[in-house]
Amino acid sequence: MNEEKVYHGSCFCGAVQLTVRGNPEAMGYCHCESCRHWSASPVNAFTLWKPDAVSIQQGSDNIGTYNKTPVSGRKWCKTCGGHLFTEHPSMGLTDVYAGIIPEFPYQPGVHVHYQEAVLRIRDSLPKLKDVPSEMGGSGVEVAE
């Protein structure tokens, strides 16, 4: 019997509860200016899921949205301001921030937008100029 894994996550205050099911399409670190600014961090740990693998269990009416660009809809809790996920419709993926799904076994595989990095991480993972070619990027690697 193949049992699908389910992981639970929430915002900072717990008003918004979500689940992710199965396995993500990719995991890694984003170094782009937008993610850094949004997360108030030098790097953002991402997990990318097909949209149907992500479901809101509680508090959907408490989710705010901000679209800096048409390629990303950033979501947060209206009560505590806790960041939840970013929808990327052009890629057909949803980035559920690794930090909000504590039981998920996060295993990064790539650094994206590494040419924008302000914190150099020497971990032998591939460092891409932008994003993989499968996601519409160049797939070009840059030096660690």
N, C-alpha and C. Protein backbone atom coordinates (compact mmCIF):
# COMPACT_ATOMS: atom_id res chain seq x y z
N MET A 1 0.84 -1.17 0.00
CA MET A 1 0.00 0.00 0.00
C MET A 1 0.89 1.25 0.00
N ASN A 2 0.68 2.15 -0.95
CA ASN A 2 1.46 3.38 -1.07
C ASN A 2 0.73 4.51 -0.36
N GLU A 3 1.17 4.82 0.85
CA GLU A 3 0.51 5.85 1.63
C GLU A 3 1.15 7.21 1.36
N GLU A 4 0.33 8.17 0.96
CA GLU A 4 0.82 9.51 0.66
C GLU A 4 1.15 10.26 1.95
N LYS A 5 2.31 10.90 1.97
CA LYS A 5 2.73 11.68 3.13
C LYS A 5 1.94 12.98 3.19
N VAL A 6 1.59 13.39 4.39
CA VAL A 6 0.88 14.64 4.62
C VAL A 6 1.64 15.41 5.70
N TYR A 7 1.92 16.68 5.43
CA TYR A 7 2.63 17.53 6.38
C TYR A 7 1.77 18.75 6.68
N HIS A 8 1.76 19.14 7.95
CA HIS A 8 0.93 20.25 8.40
C HIS A 8 1.78 21.49 8.65
N GLY A 9 1.23 22.63 8.30
CA GLY A 9 1.92 23.90 8.51
C GLY A 9 0.95 24.96 8.95
N SER A 10 1.51 26.07 9.41
CA SER A 10 0.65 27.17 9.83
C SER A 10 1.43 28.47 9.82
N CYS A 11 0.68 29.55 9.93
CA CYS A 11 1.28 30.87 10.08
C CYS A 11 1.85 30.98 11.50
N PHE A 12 2.40 32.12 11.82
CA PHE A 12 3.03 32.37 13.11
C PHE A 12 2.06 32.20 14.28
N CYS A 13 0.81 32.70 14.13
CA CYS A 13 -0.16 32.63 15.23
C CYS A 13 -1.05 31.39 15.18
N GLY A 14 -1.04 30.67 14.07
CA GLY A 14 -1.85 29.46 13.94
C GLY A 14 -3.24 29.67 13.37
N ALA A 15 -3.61 30.92 13.06
CA ALA A 15 -4.95 31.19 12.52
C ALA A 15 -5.15 30.54 11.15
N VAL A 16 -4.06 30.45 10.36
CA VAL A 16 -4.13 29.78 9.06
C VAL A 16 -3.39 28.46 9.17
N GLN A 17 -4.09 27.39 8.84
CA GLN A 17 -3.53 26.04 8.87
C GLN A 17 -3.58 25.49 7.44
N LEU A 18 -2.50 24.82 7.04
CA LEU A 18 -2.48 24.21 5.71
C LEU A 18 -1.83 22.85 5.76
N THR A 19 -2.02 22.09 4.70
CA THR A 19 -1.32 20.82 4.53
C THR A 19 -0.70 20.77 3.15
N VAL A 20 0.38 20.02 3.06
CA VAL A 20 0.98 19.66 1.77
C VAL A 20 0.99 18.14 1.71
N ARG A 21 0.73 17.61 0.51
CA ARG A 21 0.63 16.15 0.35
C ARG A 21 1.61 15.66 -0.69
N GLY A 22 2.20 14.51 -0.40
CA GLY A 22 3.10 13.90 -1.37
C GLY A 22 4.50 14.45 -1.26
N ASN A 23 5.10 14.67 -2.42
CA ASN A 23 6.47 15.17 -2.49
C ASN A 23 6.51 16.45 -3.30
N PRO A 24 7.37 17.38 -2.90
CA PRO A 24 7.48 18.61 -3.68
C PRO A 24 8.16 18.36 -5.02
N GLU A 25 7.97 19.27 -5.94
CA GLU A 25 8.63 19.20 -7.24
C GLU A 25 10.10 19.57 -7.13
N ALA A 26 10.42 20.45 -6.18
CA ALA A 26 11.81 20.89 -5.96
C ALA A 26 11.92 21.54 -4.59
N MET A 27 13.14 21.57 -4.09
CA MET A 27 13.45 22.26 -2.83
C MET A 27 14.79 22.94 -3.00
N GLY A 28 14.94 24.08 -2.37
CA GLY A 28 16.22 24.77 -2.46
C GLY A 28 16.18 26.11 -1.78
N TYR A 29 17.11 26.94 -2.19
CA TYR A 29 17.26 28.28 -1.63
C TYR A 29 17.15 29.31 -2.74
N CYS A 30 16.36 30.35 -2.50
CA CYS A 30 16.26 31.44 -3.45
C CYS A 30 16.99 32.65 -2.89
N HIS A 31 17.81 33.27 -3.75
CA HIS A 31 18.61 34.42 -3.36
C HIS A 31 18.16 35.71 -4.05
N CYS A 32 17.01 35.69 -4.74
CA CYS A 32 16.58 36.90 -5.46
C CYS A 32 16.22 38.01 -4.48
N GLU A 33 16.33 39.24 -4.96
CA GLU A 33 16.05 40.41 -4.13
C GLU A 33 14.62 40.39 -3.60
N SER A 34 13.66 39.96 -4.41
CA SER A 34 12.27 39.94 -3.97
C SER A 34 12.07 38.98 -2.80
N CYS A 35 12.61 37.78 -2.90
CA CYS A 35 12.46 36.81 -1.80
C CYS A 35 13.20 37.27 -0.55
N ARG A 36 14.39 37.84 -0.75
CA ARG A 36 15.14 38.34 0.41
C ARG A 36 14.36 39.45 1.12
N HIS A 37 13.84 40.36 0.34
CA HIS A 37 13.11 41.49 0.92
C HIS A 37 11.83 41.01 1.61
N TRP A 38 11.08 40.13 0.93
CA TRP A 38 9.82 39.61 1.48
C TRP A 38 10.06 38.84 2.77
N SER A 39 11.11 38.02 2.80
CA SER A 39 11.35 37.17 3.97
C SER A 39 12.18 37.86 5.05
N ALA A 40 12.68 39.07 4.76
CA ALA A 40 13.55 39.79 5.71
C ALA A 40 14.72 38.90 6.11
N SER A 41 15.28 38.25 5.12
CA SER A 41 16.36 37.28 5.34
C SER A 41 17.30 37.31 4.15
N PRO A 42 18.56 36.89 4.33
CA PRO A 42 19.48 36.88 3.20
C PRO A 42 19.21 35.77 2.18
N VAL A 43 18.34 34.83 2.54
CA VAL A 43 18.02 33.71 1.65
C VAL A 43 16.65 33.15 2.04
N ASN A 44 15.91 32.60 1.07
CA ASN A 44 14.60 32.02 1.34
C ASN A 44 14.64 30.52 1.03
N ALA A 45 14.28 29.69 2.01
CA ALA A 45 14.21 28.24 1.81
C ALA A 45 12.84 27.90 1.21
N PHE A 46 12.84 27.34 -0.01
CA PHE A 46 11.57 27.05 -0.68
C PHE A 46 11.31 25.56 -0.84
N THR A 47 10.02 25.24 -0.91
CA THR A 47 9.56 23.92 -1.32
C THR A 47 8.48 24.17 -2.37
N LEU A 48 8.66 23.66 -3.56
CA LEU A 48 7.72 23.90 -4.65
C LEU A 48 6.80 22.70 -4.85
N TRP A 49 5.50 22.96 -4.83
CA TRP A 49 4.47 21.93 -4.91
C TRP A 49 3.53 22.22 -6.07
N LYS A 50 2.94 21.19 -6.63
CA LYS A 50 1.82 21.37 -7.55
C LYS A 50 0.69 21.99 -6.71
N PRO A 51 -0.06 22.92 -7.26
CA PRO A 51 -1.10 23.59 -6.47
C PRO A 51 -2.11 22.64 -5.82
N ASP A 52 -2.43 21.53 -6.47
CA ASP A 52 -3.41 20.62 -5.86
C ASP A 52 -2.85 19.82 -4.69
N ALA A 53 -1.54 19.91 -4.43
CA ALA A 53 -0.93 19.25 -3.28
C ALA A 53 -0.99 20.12 -2.02
N VAL A 54 -1.40 21.38 -2.20
CA VAL A 54 -1.46 22.34 -1.09
C VAL A 54 -2.92 22.63 -0.80
N SER A 55 -3.33 22.48 0.46
CA SER A 55 -4.72 22.81 0.79
C SER A 55 -4.76 23.58 2.12
N ILE A 56 -5.67 24.54 2.15
CA ILE A 56 -5.89 25.34 3.35
C ILE A 56 -6.92 24.60 4.19
N GLN A 57 -6.57 24.28 5.42
CA GLN A 57 -7.46 23.55 6.32
C GLN A 57 -8.29 24.49 7.18
N GLN A 58 -7.73 25.65 7.46
CA GLN A 58 -8.40 26.61 8.34
C GLN A 58 -7.89 28.01 8.04
N GLY A 59 -8.77 28.99 8.09
CA GLY A 59 -8.38 30.39 8.00
C GLY A 59 -8.21 30.94 6.59
N SER A 60 -8.83 30.34 5.59
CA SER A 60 -8.66 30.84 4.22
C SER A 60 -9.11 32.29 4.07
N ASP A 61 -10.11 32.70 4.86
CA ASP A 61 -10.57 34.09 4.81
C ASP A 61 -9.59 35.05 5.49
N ASN A 62 -8.58 34.50 6.13
CA ASN A 62 -7.58 35.30 6.84
C ASN A 62 -6.27 35.42 6.06
N ILE A 63 -6.31 35.03 4.78
CA ILE A 63 -5.10 35.08 3.95
C ILE A 63 -5.11 36.33 3.09
N GLY A 64 -4.05 37.11 3.21
CA GLY A 64 -3.86 38.29 2.38
C GLY A 64 -2.96 37.95 1.20
N THR A 65 -3.05 38.75 0.14
CA THR A 65 -2.26 38.52 -1.07
C THR A 65 -1.60 39.81 -1.51
N TYR A 66 -0.37 39.68 -1.96
CA TYR A 66 0.32 40.80 -2.58
C TYR A 66 1.00 40.32 -3.85
N ASN A 67 0.74 41.00 -4.96
CA ASN A 67 1.34 40.67 -6.25
C ASN A 67 2.27 41.80 -6.68
N LYS A 68 3.56 41.65 -6.39
CA LYS A 68 4.53 42.65 -6.86
C LYS A 68 4.65 42.57 -8.38
N THR A 69 4.57 41.34 -8.90
CA THR A 69 4.61 41.09 -10.34
C THR A 69 3.52 40.07 -10.67
N PRO A 70 3.19 39.93 -11.94
CA PRO A 70 2.16 38.95 -12.32
C PRO A 70 2.62 37.49 -12.14
N VAL A 71 3.91 37.26 -11.94
CA VAL A 71 4.40 35.88 -11.84
C VAL A 71 4.41 35.33 -10.42
N SER A 72 4.03 36.16 -9.42
CA SER A 72 4.01 35.64 -8.06
C SER A 72 2.96 36.35 -7.21
N GLY A 73 2.17 35.52 -6.51
CA GLY A 73 1.18 36.03 -5.56
C GLY A 73 1.59 35.59 -4.17
N ARG A 74 2.13 36.51 -3.39
CA ARG A 74 2.63 36.18 -2.05
C ARG A 74 1.47 36.23 -1.06
N LYS A 75 1.42 35.22 -0.19
CA LYS A 75 0.31 35.06 0.76
C LYS A 75 0.81 35.13 2.19
N TRP A 76 0.01 35.77 3.04
CA TRP A 76 0.35 35.90 4.45
C TRP A 76 -0.91 35.90 5.29
N CYS A 77 -0.75 35.71 6.59
CA CYS A 77 -1.86 35.75 7.55
C CYS A 77 -2.17 37.20 7.89
N LYS A 78 -3.44 37.58 7.77
CA LYS A 78 -3.86 38.95 8.07
C LYS A 78 -3.82 39.26 9.57
N THR A 79 -3.79 38.25 10.43
CA THR A 79 -3.75 38.48 11.87
C THR A 79 -2.33 38.73 12.36
N CYS A 80 -1.41 37.80 12.07
CA CYS A 80 -0.05 37.92 12.61
C CYS A 80 0.98 38.40 11.60
N GLY A 81 0.61 38.43 10.33
CA GLY A 81 1.56 38.83 9.29
C GLY A 81 2.49 37.72 8.87
N GLY A 82 2.33 36.54 9.46
CA GLY A 82 3.20 35.41 9.12
C GLY A 82 3.08 35.02 7.66
N HIS A 83 4.21 34.87 7.01
CA HIS A 83 4.24 34.50 5.60
C HIS A 83 3.91 33.02 5.45
N LEU A 84 3.17 32.68 4.39
CA LEU A 84 2.68 31.33 4.20
C LEU A 84 3.24 30.66 2.95
N PHE A 85 2.95 31.25 1.80
CA PHE A 85 3.38 30.66 0.53
C PHE A 85 3.30 31.69 -0.58
N THR A 86 3.87 31.33 -1.72
CA THR A 86 3.78 32.16 -2.92
C THR A 86 3.27 31.30 -4.05
N GLU A 87 2.24 31.76 -4.72
CA GLU A 87 1.74 31.07 -5.90
C GLU A 87 2.50 31.59 -7.12
N HIS A 88 2.96 30.65 -7.95
CA HIS A 88 3.66 30.99 -9.20
C HIS A 88 2.86 30.38 -10.36
N PRO A 89 1.78 31.06 -10.80
CA PRO A 89 0.91 30.49 -11.82
C PRO A 89 1.62 30.19 -13.15
N SER A 90 2.59 31.02 -13.53
CA SER A 90 3.27 30.79 -14.80
C SER A 90 4.10 29.51 -14.78
N MET A 91 4.52 29.07 -13.60
CA MET A 91 5.26 27.82 -13.45
C MET A 91 4.34 26.66 -13.07
N GLY A 92 3.11 26.99 -12.67
CA GLY A 92 2.20 25.94 -12.22
C GLY A 92 2.64 25.35 -10.89
N LEU A 93 3.24 26.18 -10.02
CA LEU A 93 3.77 25.71 -8.75
C LEU A 93 3.44 26.68 -7.62
N THR A 94 3.44 26.15 -6.40
CA THR A 94 3.24 26.95 -5.20
C THR A 94 4.43 26.72 -4.28
N ASP A 95 5.06 27.81 -3.86
CA ASP A 95 6.19 27.75 -2.94
C ASP A 95 5.67 27.87 -1.51
N VAL A 96 5.66 26.75 -0.80
CA VAL A 96 5.31 26.77 0.62
C VAL A 96 6.64 26.89 1.36
N TYR A 97 6.79 27.99 2.10
CA TYR A 97 8.07 28.26 2.76
C TYR A 97 8.42 27.13 3.72
N ALA A 98 9.62 26.62 3.58
CA ALA A 98 10.06 25.46 4.36
C ALA A 98 9.88 25.66 5.86
N GLY A 99 10.06 26.88 6.33
CA GLY A 99 9.97 27.16 7.76
C GLY A 99 8.60 26.99 8.37
N ILE A 100 7.54 26.95 7.56
CA ILE A 100 6.20 26.83 8.15
C ILE A 100 5.69 25.40 8.18
N ILE A 101 6.46 24.45 7.64
CA ILE A 101 6.07 23.03 7.69
C ILE A 101 7.15 22.27 8.47
N PRO A 102 7.12 22.41 9.80
CA PRO A 102 8.22 21.94 10.65
C PRO A 102 8.54 20.45 10.57
N GLU A 103 7.58 19.60 10.31
CA GLU A 103 7.85 18.16 10.28
C GLU A 103 8.33 17.68 8.91
N PHE A 104 8.29 18.56 7.92
CA PHE A 104 8.70 18.18 6.57
C PHE A 104 10.22 17.99 6.52
N PRO A 105 10.69 16.88 5.94
CA PRO A 105 12.14 16.62 5.87
C PRO A 105 12.79 17.40 4.72
N TYR A 106 13.05 18.66 4.96
CA TYR A 106 13.60 19.57 3.96
C TYR A 106 14.99 19.12 3.52
N GLN A 107 15.16 18.94 2.21
CA GLN A 107 16.45 18.54 1.64
C GLN A 107 16.69 19.38 0.40
N PRO A 108 17.35 20.54 0.55
CA PRO A 108 17.56 21.43 -0.60
C PRO A 108 18.40 20.77 -1.67
N GLY A 109 18.10 21.10 -2.92
CA GLY A 109 18.84 20.53 -4.03
C GLY A 109 19.50 21.55 -4.94
N VAL A 110 19.19 22.84 -4.74
CA VAL A 110 19.68 23.85 -5.66
C VAL A 110 19.59 25.24 -5.03
N HIS A 111 20.43 26.13 -5.51
CA HIS A 111 20.33 27.56 -5.19
C HIS A 111 19.90 28.25 -6.47
N VAL A 112 18.85 29.09 -6.41
CA VAL A 112 18.40 29.83 -7.58
C VAL A 112 18.66 31.32 -7.38
N HIS A 113 18.81 32.02 -8.50
CA HIS A 113 19.12 33.46 -8.51
C HIS A 113 20.37 33.76 -7.69
N TYR A 114 21.36 32.87 -7.81
CA TYR A 114 22.57 32.99 -6.98
C TYR A 114 23.42 34.21 -7.34
N GLN A 115 23.28 34.74 -8.56
CA GLN A 115 24.04 35.94 -8.92
C GLN A 115 23.60 37.14 -8.08
N GLU A 116 22.43 37.05 -7.42
CA GLU A 116 21.94 38.12 -6.55
C GLU A 116 22.27 37.88 -5.08
N ALA A 117 22.98 36.81 -4.78
CA ALA A 117 23.24 36.41 -3.39
C ALA A 117 23.99 37.48 -2.61
N VAL A 118 23.56 37.69 -1.37
CA VAL A 118 24.28 38.54 -0.44
C VAL A 118 24.93 37.69 0.65
N LEU A 119 24.56 36.43 0.72
CA LEU A 119 25.15 35.48 1.65
C LEU A 119 25.61 34.28 0.82
N ARG A 120 26.89 34.12 0.68
CA ARG A 120 27.45 33.00 -0.08
C ARG A 120 27.41 31.75 0.78
N ILE A 121 26.87 30.68 0.22
CA ILE A 121 26.74 29.42 0.94
C ILE A 121 27.56 28.37 0.20
N ARG A 122 28.54 27.82 0.85
CA ARG A 122 29.43 26.83 0.24
C ARG A 122 29.00 25.43 0.70
N ASP A 123 28.09 24.85 -0.07
CA ASP A 123 27.53 23.55 0.29
C ASP A 123 27.58 22.54 -0.86
N SER A 124 28.24 22.88 -1.94
CA SER A 124 28.40 22.01 -3.11
C SER A 124 27.11 21.76 -3.90
N LEU A 125 26.00 22.41 -3.54
CA LEU A 125 24.79 22.31 -4.34
C LEU A 125 24.95 23.17 -5.58
N PRO A 126 24.25 22.85 -6.67
CA PRO A 126 24.32 23.69 -7.87
C PRO A 126 23.84 25.11 -7.55
N LYS A 127 24.55 26.09 -8.12
CA LYS A 127 24.21 27.50 -7.96
C LYS A 127 23.81 28.02 -9.34
N LEU A 128 22.54 28.37 -9.51
CA LEU A 128 22.05 28.81 -10.81
C LEU A 128 21.94 30.33 -10.89
N LYS A 129 22.24 30.84 -12.07
CA LYS A 129 22.11 32.28 -12.33
C LYS A 129 20.68 32.75 -12.10
N ASP A 130 19.72 31.97 -12.59
CA ASP A 130 18.31 32.28 -12.39
C ASP A 130 17.60 31.02 -11.92
N VAL A 131 16.79 30.40 -12.77
CA VAL A 131 16.10 29.16 -12.40
C VAL A 131 16.37 28.09 -13.45
N PRO A 132 16.06 26.82 -13.13
CA PRO A 132 16.29 25.76 -14.11
C PRO A 132 15.54 26.01 -15.42
N SER A 133 16.10 25.50 -16.49
CA SER A 133 15.48 25.70 -17.81
C SER A 133 14.07 25.12 -17.86
N GLU A 134 13.80 24.04 -17.11
CA GLU A 134 12.46 23.44 -17.07
C GLU A 134 11.43 24.40 -16.50
N MET A 135 11.90 25.42 -15.80
CA MET A 135 11.00 26.39 -15.18
C MET A 135 11.04 27.72 -15.91
N GLY A 136 11.64 27.75 -17.08
CA GLY A 136 11.67 28.96 -17.88
C GLY A 136 12.91 29.79 -17.73
N GLY A 137 13.88 29.31 -16.97
CA GLY A 137 15.12 30.05 -16.78
C GLY A 137 16.19 29.59 -17.75
N SER A 138 17.40 30.11 -17.55
CA SER A 138 18.52 29.73 -18.41
C SER A 138 19.14 28.41 -17.98
N GLY A 139 19.04 28.08 -16.70
CA GLY A 139 19.69 26.87 -16.19
C GLY A 139 21.20 27.01 -16.06
N VAL A 140 21.71 28.21 -16.29
CA VAL A 140 23.16 28.45 -16.26
C VAL A 140 23.66 28.42 -14.83
N GLU A 141 24.73 27.63 -14.60
CA GLU A 141 25.36 27.58 -13.28
C GLU A 141 26.37 28.69 -13.13
N VAL A 142 26.50 29.20 -11.91
CA VAL A 142 27.48 30.22 -11.58
C VAL A 142 28.41 29.66 -10.49
N ALA A 143 29.54 30.33 -10.32
CA ALA A 143 30.53 29.85 -9.35
C ALA A 143 30.00 29.94 -7.93
N GLU A 144 30.43 28.96 -7.13
CA GLU A 144 30.06 28.95 -5.71
C GLU A 144 30.80 30.06 -4.99
